[in-house]
Amino acid sequence: LDRSSAASVVFKRQVVMYPNPITQGNSGQLAFRNFPANASFKISIINVKGNRLYNTIHHTKKGNTTFNLTDTDAALASAGIYYIVIRGNKNGFRYSAPLMVY
């Protein structure tokens, strides 16, 4: 592993996303802990077929942040497994995790 890959692995182990699973039609919030501070991120929701269903840019000032699911109702309309993919715009941060909707 090079340094950038090693940093991504460390971040991936430390980042926590909750709640997971969520109920179908949930219009609440996903919370994340241990993000890099003072950064911008591209958040994508991808289905199991690999189709990107939703994209947004999210800014955070501290390492803990929330992502509002209200705008994603169409994307998460069906029960199933989705993937949350987050990439830092400038810092090389990458995180992905499955999200179960029931």
C-alpha atoms as a PDB file:
ATOM      1  CA  LEU A   1       0.000   0.000   0.000  1.00  0.00           C
ATOM      2  CA  ASP A   2       1.169   3.500  -0.715  1.00  0.00           C
ATOM      3  CA  ARG A   3       0.568   6.236   1.839  1.00  0.00           C
ATOM      4  CA  SER A   4      -2.685   7.479   0.282  1.00  0.00           C
ATOM      5  CA  SER A   5      -4.133   3.942   0.222  1.00  0.00           C
ATOM      6  CA  ALA A   6      -3.052   3.338   3.798  1.00  0.00           C
ATOM      7  CA  ALA A   7      -4.729   6.596   4.889  1.00  0.00           C
ATOM      8  CA  SER A   8      -7.965   5.551   3.169  1.00  0.00           C
ATOM      9  CA  VAL A   9      -7.923   2.189   4.933  1.00  0.00           C
ATOM     10  CA  VAL A  10      -7.427   3.860   8.302  1.00  0.00           C
ATOM     11  CA  PHE A  11     -10.299   6.296   7.655  1.00  0.00           C
ATOM     12  CA  LYS A  12     -12.571   3.482   6.480  1.00  0.00           C
ATOM     13  CA  ARG A  13     -12.074   1.581   9.707  1.00  0.00           C
ATOM     14  CA  GLN A  14     -12.784   4.634  11.834  1.00  0.00           C
ATOM     15  CA  VAL A  15     -15.808   6.095  10.032  1.00  0.00           C
ATOM     16  CA  VAL A  16     -19.157   5.112  11.523  1.00  0.00           C
ATOM     17  CA  MET A  17     -22.473   5.461   9.628  1.00  0.00           C
ATOM     18  CA  TYR A  18     -25.808   5.103  11.442  1.00  0.00           C
ATOM     19  CA  PRO A  19     -28.643   4.196  11.554  1.00  0.00           C
ATOM     20  CA  ASN A  20     -28.196   1.134   9.401  1.00  0.00           C
ATOM     21  CA  PRO A  21     -30.503  -0.545   8.467  1.00  0.00           C
ATOM     22  CA  ILE A  22     -33.207   2.049   7.792  1.00  0.00           C
ATOM     23  CA  THR A  23     -36.890   1.621   7.068  1.00  0.00           C
ATOM     24  CA  GLN A  24     -38.346   2.081   3.598  1.00  0.00           C
ATOM     25  CA  GLY A  25     -39.369   5.707   3.030  1.00  0.00           C
ATOM     26  CA  ASN A  26     -37.171   6.931   5.902  1.00  0.00           C
ATOM     27  CA  SER A  27     -36.848  10.687   5.578  1.00  0.00           C
ATOM     28  CA  GLY A  28     -34.526  11.091   8.538  1.00  0.00           C
ATOM     29  CA  GLN A  29     -30.804  11.527   8.665  1.00  0.00           C
ATOM     30  CA  LEU A  30     -27.763   9.359   8.237  1.00  0.00           C
ATOM     31  CA  ALA A  31     -25.078  10.335  10.708  1.00  0.00           C
ATOM     32  CA  PHE A  32     -21.355   9.902  10.178  1.00  0.00           C
ATOM     33  CA  ARG A  33     -18.602  10.067  12.773  1.00  0.00           C
ATOM     34  CA  ASN A  34     -14.860  10.442  12.295  1.00  0.00           C
ATOM     35  CA  PHE A  35     -14.838  12.181   8.916  1.00  0.00           C
ATOM     36  CA  PRO A  36     -11.880  14.416   8.089  1.00  0.00           C
ATOM     37  CA  ALA A  37     -12.650  17.949   9.332  1.00  0.00           C
ATOM     38  CA  ASN A  38     -13.081  21.026   7.115  1.00  0.00           C
ATOM     39  CA  ALA A  39     -13.684  19.156   3.875  1.00  0.00           C
ATOM     40  CA  SER A  40     -16.120  18.731   0.991  1.00  0.00           C
ATOM     41  CA  PHE A  41     -17.402  15.330  -0.058  1.00  0.00           C
ATOM     42  CA  LYS A  42     -19.339  13.871  -2.956  1.00  0.00           C
ATOM     43  CA  ILE A  43     -21.963  11.456  -1.598  1.00  0.00           C
ATOM     44  CA  SER A  44     -23.481   8.910  -3.985  1.00  0.00           C
ATOM     45  CA  ILE A  45     -26.122   6.230  -3.524  1.00  0.00           C
ATOM     46  CA  ILE A  46     -25.624   3.229  -5.795  1.00  0.00           C
ATOM     47  CA  ASN A  47     -27.898   0.187  -6.178  1.00  0.00           C
ATOM     48  CA  VAL A  48     -26.683  -3.413  -6.396  1.00  0.00           C
ATOM     49  CA  LYS A  49     -26.764  -3.230 -10.207  1.00  0.00           C
ATOM     50  CA  GLY A  50     -24.186  -0.451 -10.076  1.00  0.00           C
ATOM     51  CA  ASN A  51     -26.591   2.324 -11.093  1.00  0.00           C
ATOM     52  CA  ARG A  52     -25.919   5.667  -9.456  1.00  0.00           C
ATOM     53  CA  LEU A  53     -29.262   6.810  -8.036  1.00  0.00           C
ATOM     54  CA  TYR A  54     -28.314   9.988  -6.222  1.00  0.00           C
ATOM     55  CA  ASN A  55     -25.397  12.440  -5.995  1.00  0.00           C
ATOM     56  CA  THR A  56     -24.800  15.451  -3.816  1.00  0.00           C
ATOM     57  CA  ILE A  57     -21.921  17.541  -2.504  1.00  0.00           C
ATOM     58  CA  HIS A  58     -21.719  17.793   1.266  1.00  0.00           C
ATOM     59  CA  HIS A  59     -19.517  20.157   3.320  1.00  0.00           C
ATOM     60  CA  THR A  60     -18.419  19.547   6.880  1.00  0.00           C
ATOM     61  CA  LYS A  61     -16.506  21.659   9.360  1.00  0.00           C
ATOM     62  CA  LYS A  62     -16.047  18.986  12.003  1.00  0.00           C
ATOM     63  CA  GLY A  63     -15.424  15.269  11.855  1.00  0.00           C
ATOM     64  CA  ASN A  64     -19.056  14.422  12.689  1.00  0.00           C
ATOM     65  CA  THR A  65     -21.778  15.213  10.180  1.00  0.00           C
ATOM     66  CA  THR A  66     -25.288  14.254   9.066  1.00  0.00           C
ATOM     67  CA  PHE A  67     -26.733  13.649   5.624  1.00  0.00           C
ATOM     68  CA  ASN A  68     -30.449  14.342   5.116  1.00  0.00           C
ATOM     69  CA  LEU A  69     -32.291  11.452   3.444  1.00  0.00           C
ATOM     70  CA  THR A  70     -35.319  13.601   2.519  1.00  0.00           C
ATOM     71  CA  ASP A  71     -33.953  14.318  -0.952  1.00  0.00           C
ATOM     72  CA  THR A  72     -33.246  10.639  -1.566  1.00  0.00           C
ATOM     73  CA  ASP A  73     -36.805   9.303  -1.145  1.00  0.00           C
ATOM     74  CA  ALA A  74     -37.045   8.353  -4.823  1.00  0.00           C
ATOM     75  CA  ALA A  75     -33.631   6.677  -4.672  1.00  0.00           C
ATOM     76  CA  LEU A  76     -34.467   4.623  -1.583  1.00  0.00           C
ATOM     77  CA  ALA A  77     -38.099   3.869  -2.488  1.00  0.00           C
ATOM     78  CA  SER A  78     -37.588   0.106  -2.669  1.00  0.00           C
ATOM     79  CA  ALA A  79     -36.370  -2.273  -0.007  1.00  0.00           C
ATOM     80  CA  GLY A  80     -32.927  -3.650  -0.747  1.00  0.00           C
ATOM     81  CA  ILE A  81     -29.233  -3.094  -0.325  1.00  0.00           C
ATOM     82  CA  TYR A  82     -27.657   0.126  -1.532  1.00  0.00           C
ATOM     83  CA  TYR A  83     -24.127   1.444  -1.284  1.00  0.00           C
ATOM     84  CA  ILE A  84     -23.135   4.793   0.121  1.00  0.00           C
ATOM     85  CA  VAL A  85     -19.968   5.987  -1.616  1.00  0.00           C
ATOM     86  CA  ILE A  86     -18.219   9.083  -0.317  1.00  0.00           C
ATOM     87  CA  ARG A  87     -15.182  10.738  -1.873  1.00  0.00           C
ATOM     88  CA  GLY A  88     -13.314  13.758  -0.645  1.00  0.00           C
ATOM     89  CA  ASN A  89     -12.973  16.502  -3.242  1.00  0.00           C
ATOM     90  CA  LYS A  90      -9.384  17.397  -2.405  1.00  0.00           C
ATOM     91  CA  ASN A  91      -8.062  15.211   0.406  1.00  0.00           C
ATOM     92  CA  GLY A  92      -8.167  11.740  -1.181  1.00  0.00           C
ATOM     93  CA  PHE A  93     -10.671  10.508   1.420  1.00  0.00           C
ATOM     94  CA  ARG A  94     -12.772   7.529   0.277  1.00  0.00           C
ATOM     95  CA  TYR A  95     -15.440   5.616   2.156  1.00  0.00           C
ATOM     96  CA  SER A  96     -18.058   3.104   1.061  1.00  0.00           C
ATOM     97  CA  ALA A  97     -20.514   1.024   3.011  1.00  0.00           C
ATOM     98  CA  PRO A  98     -23.665  -0.971   2.348  1.00  0.00           C
ATOM     99  CA  LEU A  99     -26.977   0.523   3.509  1.00  0.00           C
ATOM    100  CA  MET A 100     -29.893  -1.821   4.039  1.00  0.00           C
ATOM    101  CA  VAL A 101     -33.430  -0.540   3.436  1.00  0.00           C
ATOM    102  CA  TYR A 102     -36.314  -2.731   4.646  1.00  0.00           C
END
